[in-house]
Amino acid sequence: MTTLLLSLLAAPEGNSGGMSILLFQMLAIGGVFYLLLIRPQSQARKKHAAMLQALKRGDDVTTAGGIIGKVKDLKDDRITIESGGTTLIVERSRIVRVGDTVAQGAAAQ
């Protein structure tokens, strides 16, 4: 691809229309890639981070592994969850649902 671009850049002056079309197509592909992949993933990551920041004791949570429980204790990156008669310690990033709020795309992390 790099050699193609270099050969087009070194093309004679009469072929400037082909270069502008190629440049437009590459910019259009980059724009579509940004709008369909990068931007939605970034927004989902921000929503998940905001949901985790709002987490507090007593919240009902669901982990990425499907464990459902109540938050018993919060530390920096670890959360203690009480599920049934069991107490578990999980990473904060593994929480995908708080109450009825679901983090979009969080389960794919």
Protein backbone atom coordinates (compact mmCIF):
# COMPACT_ATOMS: atom_id res chain seq x y z
CA MET A 1 0.00 0.00 0.00
CA THR A 2 2.88 2.34 0.80
CA THR A 3 4.50 1.67 -2.56
CA LEU A 4 1.18 2.40 -4.28
CA LEU A 5 0.95 5.76 -2.56
CA LEU A 6 4.56 6.58 -3.38
CA SER A 7 4.07 5.66 -7.03
CA LEU A 8 0.97 7.84 -7.19
CA LEU A 9 2.81 10.73 -5.61
CA ALA A 10 5.56 10.39 -8.21
CA ALA A 11 3.04 10.21 -11.09
CA PRO A 12 3.14 12.85 -13.82
CA GLU A 13 1.18 16.09 -13.35
CA GLY A 14 -1.58 14.96 -15.74
CA ASN A 15 -2.75 12.26 -13.31
CA SER A 16 -3.67 14.49 -10.34
CA GLY A 17 -7.38 13.54 -10.61
CA GLY A 18 -6.64 9.90 -9.75
CA MET A 19 -4.62 10.91 -6.71
CA SER A 20 -7.40 13.12 -5.34
CA ILE A 21 -9.96 10.32 -5.78
CA LEU A 22 -7.70 7.87 -3.96
CA LEU A 23 -7.12 10.34 -1.15
CA PHE A 24 -10.87 10.99 -0.85
CA GLN A 25 -11.60 7.24 -0.71
CA MET A 26 -9.01 6.64 1.99
CA LEU A 27 -10.37 9.51 4.08
CA ALA A 28 -13.92 8.20 3.63
CA ILE A 29 -12.90 4.71 4.75
CA GLY A 30 -11.13 6.18 7.78
CA GLY A 31 -14.23 8.24 8.66
CA VAL A 32 -16.53 5.23 8.41
CA PHE A 33 -14.11 3.16 10.50
CA TYR A 34 -14.09 5.88 13.18
CA LEU A 35 -17.88 6.29 13.24
CA LEU A 36 -18.72 2.58 13.30
CA LEU A 37 -15.97 1.15 15.49
CA ILE A 38 -13.86 3.57 17.48
CA ARG A 39 -16.44 6.12 18.66
CA PRO A 40 -19.11 3.66 19.95
CA GLN A 41 -16.48 1.64 21.80
CA SER A 42 -15.11 4.78 23.43
CA GLN A 43 -18.58 5.89 24.51
CA ALA A 44 -19.34 2.44 25.98
CA ARG A 45 -16.06 2.54 27.91
CA LYS A 46 -16.93 5.97 29.35
CA LYS A 47 -20.42 4.80 30.41
CA HIS A 48 -18.95 1.74 32.10
CA ALA A 49 -16.40 3.85 33.98
CA ALA A 50 -19.13 6.27 35.11
CA MET A 51 -21.30 3.37 36.28
CA LEU A 52 -18.41 1.95 38.31
CA GLN A 53 -17.64 5.33 39.88
CA ALA A 54 -21.25 5.62 41.07
CA LEU A 55 -21.07 2.20 42.75
CA LYS A 56 -21.84 2.20 46.48
CA ARG A 57 -22.50 -0.23 49.32
CA GLY A 58 -25.76 -2.14 49.11
CA ASP A 59 -26.04 -1.95 45.31
CA ASP A 60 -27.16 -5.09 43.51
CA VAL A 61 -24.49 -6.04 40.97
CA THR A 62 -23.85 -8.68 38.34
CA THR A 63 -20.34 -9.68 37.35
CA ALA A 64 -19.09 -10.66 33.91
CA GLY A 65 -19.11 -14.28 35.12
CA GLY A 66 -22.81 -14.08 36.00
CA ILE A 67 -22.51 -13.83 39.78
CA ILE A 68 -25.30 -11.75 41.30
CA GLY A 69 -24.90 -10.18 44.71
CA LYS A 70 -24.85 -7.08 46.88
CA VAL A 71 -21.84 -4.85 47.36
CA LYS A 72 -20.50 -5.30 50.87
CA ASP A 73 -17.25 -3.34 50.72
CA LEU A 74 -15.48 -1.08 48.21
CA LYS A 75 -11.73 -0.68 47.83
CA ASP A 76 -9.66 0.93 45.07
CA ASP A 77 -9.91 -1.77 42.42
CA ARG A 78 -11.52 -4.60 44.42
CA ILE A 79 -15.12 -5.03 45.48
CA THR A 80 -16.43 -7.46 48.07
CA ILE A 81 -19.74 -8.99 47.02
CA GLU A 82 -22.10 -11.01 49.18
CA SER A 83 -23.95 -13.61 47.13
CA GLY A 84 -26.19 -15.95 49.08
CA GLY A 85 -24.07 -17.09 52.01
CA THR A 86 -20.78 -16.51 50.19
CA THR A 87 -18.51 -13.48 50.20
CA LEU A 88 -16.48 -12.89 47.04
CA ILE A 89 -13.82 -10.39 46.09
CA VAL A 90 -13.88 -9.32 42.44
CA GLU A 91 -12.14 -6.68 40.37
CA ARG A 92 -14.14 -3.50 39.89
CA SER A 93 -13.86 -3.74 36.09
CA ARG A 94 -15.64 -7.13 36.08
CA ILE A 95 -18.95 -5.53 37.17
CA VAL A 96 -21.28 -5.33 34.15
CA ARG A 97 -24.57 -4.42 35.81
CA VAL A 98 -25.50 -2.25 38.77
CA GLY A 99 -29.17 -2.57 39.70
CA ASP A 100 -31.02 -2.22 36.40
CA THR A 101 -28.23 -0.29 34.65
CA VAL A 102 -26.28 -2.38 32.14
CA ALA A 103 -22.91 -1.24 30.81
CA GLN A 104 -23.05 -1.55 27.02
CA GLY A 105 -20.10 -3.53 25.69
CA ALA A 106 -18.65 -4.16 29.14
CA ALA A 107 -19.04 -7.93 28.91
CA ALA A 108 -16.77 -8.00 25.87
CA GLN A 109 -13.77 -6.64 27.77
